[in-house]
């Protein structure tokens, strides 16, 4: 069964929201909770490592998008001819 346009748009919207929200959340959460809280780093070092964490999340999301796009069903929908 071929994907409908609404299904494709839902997938695109999901990955767009993830690309906006997840890196920002990862940056601030890892900076305050992991690097400054757990490891006790100073603020200047935690900025650097938090940015690397956010970049890693962006790459993971891009990889997930490519995987989903690559594996989507591309078989053409059967069209019935009305006589």
PDB file of N, CA and C in Angstrom:
ATOM      1  N   UNK A   1       0.851  -1.176   0.000  1.00  0.00           N
ATOM      2  CA  UNK A   1       0.000   0.000   0.000  1.00  0.00           C
ATOM      3  C   UNK A   1       0.894   1.236   0.000  1.00  0.00           C
ATOM      4  N   UNK A   2       0.639   2.149  -0.866  1.00  0.00           N
ATOM      5  CA  UNK A   2       1.441   3.358  -0.974  1.00  0.00           C
ATOM      6  C   UNK A   2       1.092   4.325   0.153  1.00  0.00           C
ATOM      7  N   UNK A   3       2.068   5.113   0.521  1.00  0.00           N
ATOM      8  CA  UNK A   3       1.846   6.105   1.569  1.00  0.00           C
ATOM      9  C   UNK A   3       1.010   7.255   1.031  1.00  0.00           C
ATOM     10  N   UNK A   4       0.108   7.716   1.843  1.00  0.00           N
ATOM     11  CA  UNK A   4      -0.682   8.866   1.434  1.00  0.00           C
ATOM     12  C   UNK A   4       0.104  10.136   1.726  1.00  0.00           C
ATOM     13  N   UNK A   5      -0.336  11.227   1.145  1.00  0.00           N
ATOM     14  CA  UNK A   5       0.347  12.496   1.373  1.00  0.00           C
ATOM     15  C   UNK A   5       0.233  12.933   2.816  1.00  0.00           C
ATOM     16  N   UNK A   6      -0.878  12.613   3.466  1.00  0.00           N
ATOM     17  CA  UNK A   6      -1.025  13.002   4.869  1.00  0.00           C
ATOM     18  C   UNK A   6      -0.048  12.235   5.751  1.00  0.00           C
ATOM     19  N   UNK A   7       0.205  10.987   5.416  1.00  0.00           N
ATOM     20  CA  UNK A   7       1.167  10.203   6.182  1.00  0.00           C
ATOM     21  C   UNK A   7       2.581  10.758   6.016  1.00  0.00           C
ATOM     22  N   UNK A   8       2.910  11.150   4.812  1.00  0.00           N
ATOM     23  CA  UNK A   8       4.228  11.732   4.553  1.00  0.00           C
ATOM     24  C   UNK A   8       4.373  13.061   5.287  1.00  0.00           C
ATOM     25  N   UNK A   9       3.321  13.861   5.276  1.00  0.00           N
ATOM     26  CA  UNK A   9       3.373  15.156   5.968  1.00  0.00           C
ATOM     27  C   UNK A   9       3.474  14.976   7.482  1.00  0.00           C
ATOM     28  N   UNK A  10       2.804  13.971   8.029  1.00  0.00           N
ATOM     29  CA  UNK A  10       2.898  13.694   9.462  1.00  0.00           C
ATOM     30  C   UNK A  10       4.321  13.297   9.837  1.00  0.00           C
ATOM     31  N   UNK A  11       4.938  12.469   9.010  1.00  0.00           N
ATOM     32  CA  UNK A  11       6.323  12.068   9.260  1.00  0.00           C
ATOM     33  C   UNK A  11       7.257  13.266   9.182  1.00  0.00           C
ATOM     34  N   UNK A  12       7.069  14.091   8.179  1.00  0.00           N
ATOM     35  CA  UNK A  12       7.908  15.281   8.024  1.00  0.00           C
ATOM     36  C   UNK A  12       7.712  16.242   9.185  1.00  0.00           C
ATOM     37  N   UNK A  13       6.489  16.429   9.624  1.00  0.00           N
ATOM     38  CA  UNK A  13       6.202  17.307  10.751  1.00  0.00           C
ATOM     39  C   UNK A  13       6.832  16.767  12.039  1.00  0.00           C
ATOM     40  N   UNK A  14       6.745  15.465  12.243  1.00  0.00           N
ATOM     41  CA  UNK A  14       7.346  14.847  13.424  1.00  0.00           C
ATOM     42  C   UNK A  14       8.856  15.088  13.462  1.00  0.00           C
ATOM     43  N   UNK A  15       9.532  14.853  12.356  1.00  0.00           N
ATOM     44  CA  UNK A  15      10.979  15.043  12.332  1.00  0.00           C
ATOM     45  C   UNK A  15      11.355  16.523  12.406  1.00  0.00           C
ATOM     46  N   UNK A  16      10.527  17.409  11.869  1.00  0.00           N
ATOM     47  CA  UNK A  16      10.792  18.843  11.986  1.00  0.00           C
ATOM     48  C   UNK A  16      10.699  19.294  13.436  1.00  0.00           C
ATOM     49  N   UNK A  17       9.678  18.838  14.132  1.00  0.00           N
ATOM     50  CA  UNK A  17       9.544  19.184  15.546  1.00  0.00           C
ATOM     51  C   UNK A  17      10.705  18.617  16.350  1.00  0.00           C
ATOM     52  N   UNK A  18      11.088  17.383  16.045  1.00  0.00           N
ATOM     53  CA  UNK A  18      12.232  16.777  16.746  1.00  0.00           C
ATOM     54  C   UNK A  18      13.517  17.567  16.497  1.00  0.00           C
ATOM     55  N   UNK A  19      13.707  18.054  15.263  1.00  0.00           N
ATOM     56  CA  UNK A  19      14.922  18.807  14.943  1.00  0.00           C
ATOM     57  C   UNK A  19      14.975  20.147  15.661  1.00  0.00           C
ATOM     58  N   UNK A  20      13.818  20.703  16.014  1.00  0.00           N
ATOM     59  CA  UNK A  20      13.786  21.978  16.722  1.00  0.00           C
ATOM     60  C   UNK A  20      13.903  21.761  18.227  1.00  0.00           C
ATOM     61  N   UNK A  21      13.147  20.821  18.756  1.00  0.00           N
ATOM     62  CA  UNK A  21      13.025  20.662  20.203  1.00  0.00           C
ATOM     63  C   UNK A  21      14.173  19.868  20.824  1.00  0.00           C
ATOM     64  N   UNK A  22      14.499  18.727  20.250  1.00  0.00           N
ATOM     65  CA  UNK A  22      15.445  17.819  20.887  1.00  0.00           C
ATOM     66  C   UNK A  22      16.868  18.388  21.067  1.00  0.00           C
ATOM     67  N   UNK A  23      17.463  19.049  20.067  1.00  0.00           N
ATOM     68  CA  UNK A  23      18.800  19.603  20.308  1.00  0.00           C
ATOM     69  C   UNK A  23      18.823  20.684  21.391  1.00  0.00           C
ATOM     70  N   UNK A  24      17.799  21.521  21.424  1.00  0.00           N
ATOM     71  CA  UNK A  24      17.741  22.579  22.441  1.00  0.00           C
ATOM     72  C   UNK A  24      17.586  21.959  23.826  1.00  0.00           C
ATOM     73  N   UNK A  25      16.670  20.989  23.943  1.00  0.00           N
ATOM     74  CA  UNK A  25      16.487  20.302  25.215  1.00  0.00           C
ATOM     75  C   UNK A  25      17.767  19.586  25.638  1.00  0.00           C
ATOM     76  N   UNK A  26      18.412  18.903  24.707  1.00  0.00           N
ATOM     77  CA  UNK A  26      19.635  18.175  25.011  1.00  0.00           C
ATOM     78  C   UNK A  26      20.734  19.121  25.467  1.00  0.00           C
ATOM     79  N   UNK A  27      20.859  20.263  24.813  1.00  0.00           N
ATOM     80  CA  UNK A  27      21.894  21.220  25.178  1.00  0.00           C
ATOM     81  C   UNK A  27      21.738  21.676  26.627  1.00  0.00           C
ATOM     82  N   UNK A  28      20.554  22.177  26.957  1.00  0.00           N
ATOM     83  CA  UNK A  28      20.372  22.728  28.293  1.00  0.00           C
ATOM     84  C   UNK A  28      20.316  21.652  29.373  1.00  0.00           C
ATOM     85  N   UNK A  29      19.706  20.516  29.072  1.00  0.00           N
ATOM     86  CA  UNK A  29      19.629  19.441  30.070  1.00  0.00           C
ATOM     87  C   UNK A  29      21.009  18.849  30.340  1.00  0.00           C
ATOM     88  N   UNK A  30      21.771  18.598  29.287  1.00  0.00           N
ATOM     89  CA  UNK A  30      23.098  18.013  29.509  1.00  0.00           C
ATOM     90  C   UNK A  30      24.037  19.009  30.176  1.00  0.00           C
ATOM     91  N   UNK A  31      23.901  20.285  29.844  1.00  0.00           N
ATOM     92  CA  UNK A  31      24.760  21.299  30.455  1.00  0.00           C
ATOM     93  C   UNK A  31      24.527  21.379  31.955  1.00  0.00           C
ATOM     94  N   UNK A  32      23.262  21.516  32.350  1.00  0.00           N
ATOM     95  CA  UNK A  32      22.994  21.724  33.773  1.00  0.00           C
ATOM     96  C   UNK A  32      22.973  20.426  34.570  1.00  0.00           C
ATOM     97  N   UNK A  33      22.384  19.381  34.037  1.00  0.00           N
ATOM     98  CA  UNK A  33      22.241  18.152  34.810  1.00  0.00           C
ATOM     99  C   UNK A  33      23.473  17.251  34.755  1.00  0.00           C
ATOM    100  N   UNK A  34      23.995  17.036  33.568  1.00  0.00           N
ATOM    101  CA  UNK A  34      25.082  16.064  33.426  1.00  0.00           C
ATOM    102  C   UNK A  34      26.446  16.706  33.669  1.00  0.00           C
ATOM    103  N   UNK A  35      26.784  17.720  32.882  1.00  0.00           N
ATOM    104  CA  UNK A  35      28.149  18.236  32.931  1.00  0.00           C
ATOM    105  C   UNK A  35      28.423  19.103  34.153  1.00  0.00           C
ATOM    106  N   UNK A  36      27.496  19.996  34.509  1.00  0.00           N
ATOM    107  CA  UNK A  36      27.717  20.819  35.699  1.00  0.00           C
ATOM    108  C   UNK A  36      27.251  20.120  36.971  1.00  0.00           C
ATOM    109  N   UNK A  37      26.152  19.372  36.881  1.00  0.00           N
ATOM    110  CA  UNK A  37      25.611  18.716  38.061  1.00  0.00           C
ATOM    111  C   UNK A  37      26.352  17.450  38.443  1.00  0.00           C
ATOM    112  N   UNK A  38      26.418  16.497  37.515  1.00  0.00           N
ATOM    113  CA  UNK A  38      27.010  15.201  37.821  1.00  0.00           C
ATOM    114  C   UNK A  38      28.536  15.242  37.800  1.00  0.00           C
ATOM    115  N   UNK A  39      29.116  15.828  36.751  1.00  0.00           N
ATOM    116  CA  UNK A  39      30.574  15.862  36.631  1.00  0.00           C
ATOM    117  C   UNK A  39      31.214  17.050  37.343  1.00  0.00           C
ATOM    118  N   UNK A  40      30.443  18.057  37.702  1.00  0.00           N
ATOM    119  CA  UNK A  40      30.966  19.222  38.415  1.00  0.00           C
ATOM    120  C   UNK A  40      31.899  20.095  37.593  1.00  0.00           C
ATOM    121  N   UNK A  41      31.651  20.181  36.289  1.00  0.00           N
ATOM    122  CA  UNK A  41      32.504  21.000  35.413  1.00  0.00           C
ATOM    123  C   UNK A  41      32.191  22.478  35.603  1.00  0.00           C
ATOM    124  N   UNK A  42      33.168  23.304  35.241  1.00  0.00           N
ATOM    125  CA  UNK A  42      32.928  24.744  35.250  1.00  0.00           C
ATOM    126  C   UNK A  42      32.073  25.103  34.039  1.00  0.00           C
ATOM    127  N   UNK A  43      31.476  26.280  34.075  1.00  0.00           N
ATOM    128  CA  UNK A  43      30.519  26.686  33.064  1.00  0.00           C
ATOM    129  C   UNK A  43      31.126  26.730  31.659  1.00  0.00           C
ATOM    130  N   UNK A  44      32.366  27.194  31.537  1.00  0.00           N
ATOM    131  CA  UNK A  44      32.963  27.314  30.198  1.00  0.00           C
ATOM    132  C   UNK A  44      33.194  25.953  29.558  1.00  0.00           C
ATOM    133  N   UNK A  45      33.576  24.961  30.312  1.00  0.00           N
ATOM    134  CA  UNK A  45      33.767  23.623  29.751  1.00  0.00           C
ATOM    135  C   UNK A  45      32.437  22.951  29.436  1.00  0.00           C
ATOM    136  N   UNK A  46      31.440  23.185  30.282  1.00  0.00           N
ATOM    137  CA  UNK A  46      30.147  22.526  30.062  1.00  0.00           C
ATOM    138  C   UNK A  46      29.461  23.049  28.806  1.00  0.00           C
ATOM    139  N   UNK A  47      29.697  24.307  28.418  1.00  0.00           N
ATOM    140  CA  UNK A  47      29.136  24.830  27.160  1.00  0.00           C
ATOM    141  C   UNK A  47      29.615  24.007  25.972  1.00  0.00           C
ATOM    142  N   UNK A  48      30.893  23.730  25.958  1.00  0.00           N
ATOM    143  CA  UNK A  48      31.509  23.001  24.850  1.00  0.00           C
ATOM    144  C   UNK A  48      30.943  21.590  24.734  1.00  0.00           C
ATOM    145  N   UNK A  49      30.904  20.855  25.826  1.00  0.00           N
ATOM    146  CA  UNK A  49      30.430  19.476  25.792  1.00  0.00           C
ATOM    147  C   UNK A  49      28.918  19.393  25.566  1.00  0.00           C
ATOM    148  N   UNK A  50      28.172  20.360  26.065  1.00  0.00           N
ATOM    149  CA  UNK A  50      26.732  20.385  25.813  1.00  0.00           C
ATOM    150  C   UNK A  50      26.451  20.634  24.329  1.00  0.00           C
ATOM    151  N   UNK A  51      27.244  21.481  23.699  1.00  0.00           N
ATOM    152  CA  UNK A  51      27.081  21.730  22.267  1.00  0.00           C
ATOM    153  C   UNK A  51      27.390  20.472  21.463  1.00  0.00           C
ATOM    154  N   UNK A  52      28.407  19.736  21.855  1.00  0.00           N
ATOM    155  CA  UNK A  52      28.725  18.480  21.174  1.00  0.00           C
ATOM    156  C   UNK A  52      27.567  17.492  21.333  1.00  0.00           C
ATOM    157  N   UNK A  53      26.962  17.450  22.505  1.00  0.00           N
ATOM    158  CA  UNK A  53      25.806  16.564  22.731  1.00  0.00           C
ATOM    159  C   UNK A  53      24.643  16.946  21.824  1.00  0.00           C
ATOM    160  N   UNK A  54      24.372  18.237  21.697  1.00  0.00           N
ATOM    161  CA  UNK A  54      23.283  18.693  20.838  1.00  0.00           C
ATOM    162  C   UNK A  54      23.561  18.369  19.369  1.00  0.00           C
ATOM    163  N   UNK A  55      24.794  18.516  18.947  1.00  0.00           N
ATOM    164  CA  UNK A  55      25.160  18.181  17.567  1.00  0.00           C
ATOM    165  C   UNK A  55      24.999  16.688  17.318  1.00  0.00           C
ATOM    166  N   UNK A  56      25.357  15.867  18.300  1.00  0.00           N
ATOM    167  CA  UNK A  56      25.181  14.419  18.166  1.00  0.00           C
ATOM    168  C   UNK A  56      23.702  14.071  18.014  1.00  0.00           C
ATOM    169  N   UNK A  57      22.841  14.744  18.769  1.00  0.00           N
ATOM    170  CA  UNK A  57      21.400  14.495  18.662  1.00  0.00           C
ATOM    171  C   UNK A  57      20.882  14.890  17.280  1.00  0.00           C
ATOM    172  N   UNK A  58      21.362  15.986  16.741  1.00  0.00           N
ATOM    173  CA  UNK A  58      20.965  16.398  15.384  1.00  0.00           C
ATOM    174  C   UNK A  58      21.333  15.316  14.370  1.00  0.00           C
ATOM    175  N   UNK A  59      22.523  14.772  14.484  1.00  0.00           N
ATOM    176  CA  UNK A  59      22.959  13.730  13.559  1.00  0.00           C
ATOM    177  C   UNK A  59      22.151  12.450  13.727  1.00  0.00           C
ATOM    178  N   UNK A  60      21.787  12.117  14.940  1.00  0.00           N
ATOM    179  CA  UNK A  60      20.951  10.937  15.171  1.00  0.00           C
ATOM    180  C   UNK A  60      19.576  11.128  14.543  1.00  0.00           C
ATOM    181  N   UNK A  61      18.987  12.308  14.707  1.00  0.00           N
ATOM    182  CA  UNK A  61      17.673  12.583  14.118  1.00  0.00           C
ATOM    183  C   UNK A  61      17.752  12.558  12.595  1.00  0.00           C
ATOM    184  N   UNK A  62      18.800  13.131  12.029  1.00  0.00           N
ATOM    185  CA  UNK A  62      18.965  13.082  10.571  1.00  0.00           C
ATOM    186  C   UNK A  62      19.104  11.645  10.075  1.00  0.00           C
ATOM    187  N   UNK A  63      19.852  10.843  10.801  1.00  0.00           N
ATOM    188  CA  UNK A  63      19.994   9.433  10.446  1.00  0.00           C
ATOM    189  C   UNK A  63      18.672   8.697  10.516  1.00  0.00           C
ATOM    190  N   UNK A  64      17.881   8.985  11.546  1.00  0.00           N
ATOM    191  CA  UNK A  64      16.562   8.367  11.665  1.00  0.00           C
ATOM    192  C   UNK A  64      15.660   8.787  10.510  1.00  0.00           C
ATOM    193  N   UNK A  65      15.717  10.061  10.127  1.00  0.00           N
ATOM    194  CA  UNK A  65      14.903  10.534   9.013  1.00  0.00           C
ATOM    195  C   UNK A  65      15.301   9.842   7.714  1.00  0.00           C
ATOM    196  N   UNK A  66      16.579   9.726   7.469  1.00  0.00           N
ATOM    197  CA  UNK A  66      17.046   9.054   6.255  1.00  0.00           C
ATOM    198  C   UNK A  66      16.604   7.599   6.245  1.00  0.00           C
ATOM    199  N   UNK A  67      16.697   6.929   7.400  1.00  0.00           N
ATOM    200  CA  UNK A  67      16.268   5.539   7.495  1.00  0.00           C
ATOM    201  C   UNK A  67      14.780   5.394   7.192  1.00  0.00           C
ATOM    202  N   UNK A  68      13.954   6.257   7.789  1.00  0.00           N
ATOM    203  CA  UNK A  68      12.509   6.197   7.553  1.00  0.00           C
ATOM    204  C   UNK A  68      12.188   6.513   6.099  1.00  0.00           C
ATOM    205  N   UNK A  69      12.835   7.524   5.538  1.00  0.00           N
ATOM    206  CA  UNK A  69      12.587   7.895   4.139  1.00  0.00           C
ATOM    207  C   UNK A  69      13.036   6.788   3.191  1.00  0.00           C
ATOM    208  N   UNK A  70      14.128   6.139   3.496  1.00  0.00           N
ATOM    209  CA  UNK A  70      14.654   5.080   2.636  1.00  0.00           C
ATOM    210  C   UNK A  70      13.739   3.858   2.643  1.00  0.00           C
ATOM    211  N   UNK A  71      13.166   3.560   3.790  1.00  0.00           N
ATOM    212  CA  UNK A  71      12.361   2.347   3.936  1.00  0.00           C
ATOM    213  C   UNK A  71      10.866   2.556   3.748  1.00  0.00           C
ATOM    214  N   UNK A  72      10.458   3.748   3.330  1.00  0.00           N
ATOM    215  CA  UNK A  72       9.032   3.941   3.128  1.00  0.00           C
ATOM    216  C   UNK A  72       8.568   3.171   1.903  1.00  0.00           C
ATOM    217  N   UNK A  73       7.324   2.838   1.922  1.00  0.00           N
ATOM    218  CA  UNK A  73       6.739   2.050   0.848  1.00  0.00           C
ATOM    219  C   UNK A  73       6.580   2.920  -0.388  1.00  0.00           C
ATOM    220  N   UNK A  74       7.232   2.534  -1.469  1.00  0.00           N
ATOM    221  CA  UNK A  74       7.180   3.341  -2.691  1.00  0.00           C
ATOM    222  C   UNK A  74       6.398   2.648  -3.809  1.00  0.00           C
ATOM    223  N   UNK A  75       5.685   1.586  -3.490  1.00  0.00           N
ATOM    224  CA  UNK A  75       4.910   0.938  -4.524  1.00  0.00           C
ATOM    225  C   UNK A  75       3.750   1.833  -4.936  1.00  0.00           C
ATOM    226  N   UNK A  76       3.487   1.945  -6.208  1.00  0.00           N
ATOM    227  CA  UNK A  76       2.395   2.829  -6.647  1.00  0.00           C
ATOM    228  C   UNK A  76       1.049   2.271  -6.210  1.00  0.00           C
ATOM    229  N   UNK A  77       0.172   3.164  -5.871  1.00  0.00           N
ATOM    230  CA  UNK A  77      -1.178   2.761  -5.465  1.00  0.00           C
ATOM    231  C   UNK A  77      -1.927   2.242  -6.696  1.00  0.00           C
ATOM    232  N   UNK A  78      -2.714   1.224  -6.473  1.00  0.00           N
ATOM    233  CA  UNK A  78      -3.490   0.670  -7.581  1.00  0.00           C
ATOM    234  C   UNK A  78      -4.645   1.594  -7.890  1.00  0.00           C
ATOM    235  N   UNK A  79      -4.728   1.993  -9.128  1.00  0.00           N
ATOM    236  CA  UNK A  79      -5.845   2.844  -9.529  1.00  0.00           C
ATOM    237  C   UNK A  79      -6.795   2.004 -10.364  1.00  0.00           C
ATOM    238  N   UNK A  80      -8.045   2.091 -10.026  1.00  0.00           N
ATOM    239  CA  UNK A  80      -9.052   1.326 -10.747  1.00  0.00           C
ATOM    240  C   UNK A  80      -9.710   2.208 -11.780  1.00  0.00           C
ATOM    241  N   UNK A  81      -9.838   1.666 -12.932  1.00  0.00           N
ATOM    242  CA  UNK A  81     -10.432   2.396 -14.043  1.00  0.00           C
ATOM    243  C   UNK A  81     -11.942   2.213 -14.012  1.00  0.00           C
ATOM    244  N   UNK A  82     -12.642   3.327 -13.972  1.00  0.00           N
ATOM    245  CA  UNK A  82     -14.105   3.262 -13.982  1.00  0.00           C
ATOM    246  C   UNK A  82     -14.585   3.329 -15.419  1.00  0.00           C
ATOM    247  N   UNK A  83     -15.276   2.303 -15.836  1.00  0.00           N
ATOM    248  CA  UNK A  83     -15.784   2.272 -17.225  1.00  0.00           C
ATOM    249  C   UNK A  83     -17.184   2.789 -17.301  1.00  0.00           C
TER     250      UNK A  83
END
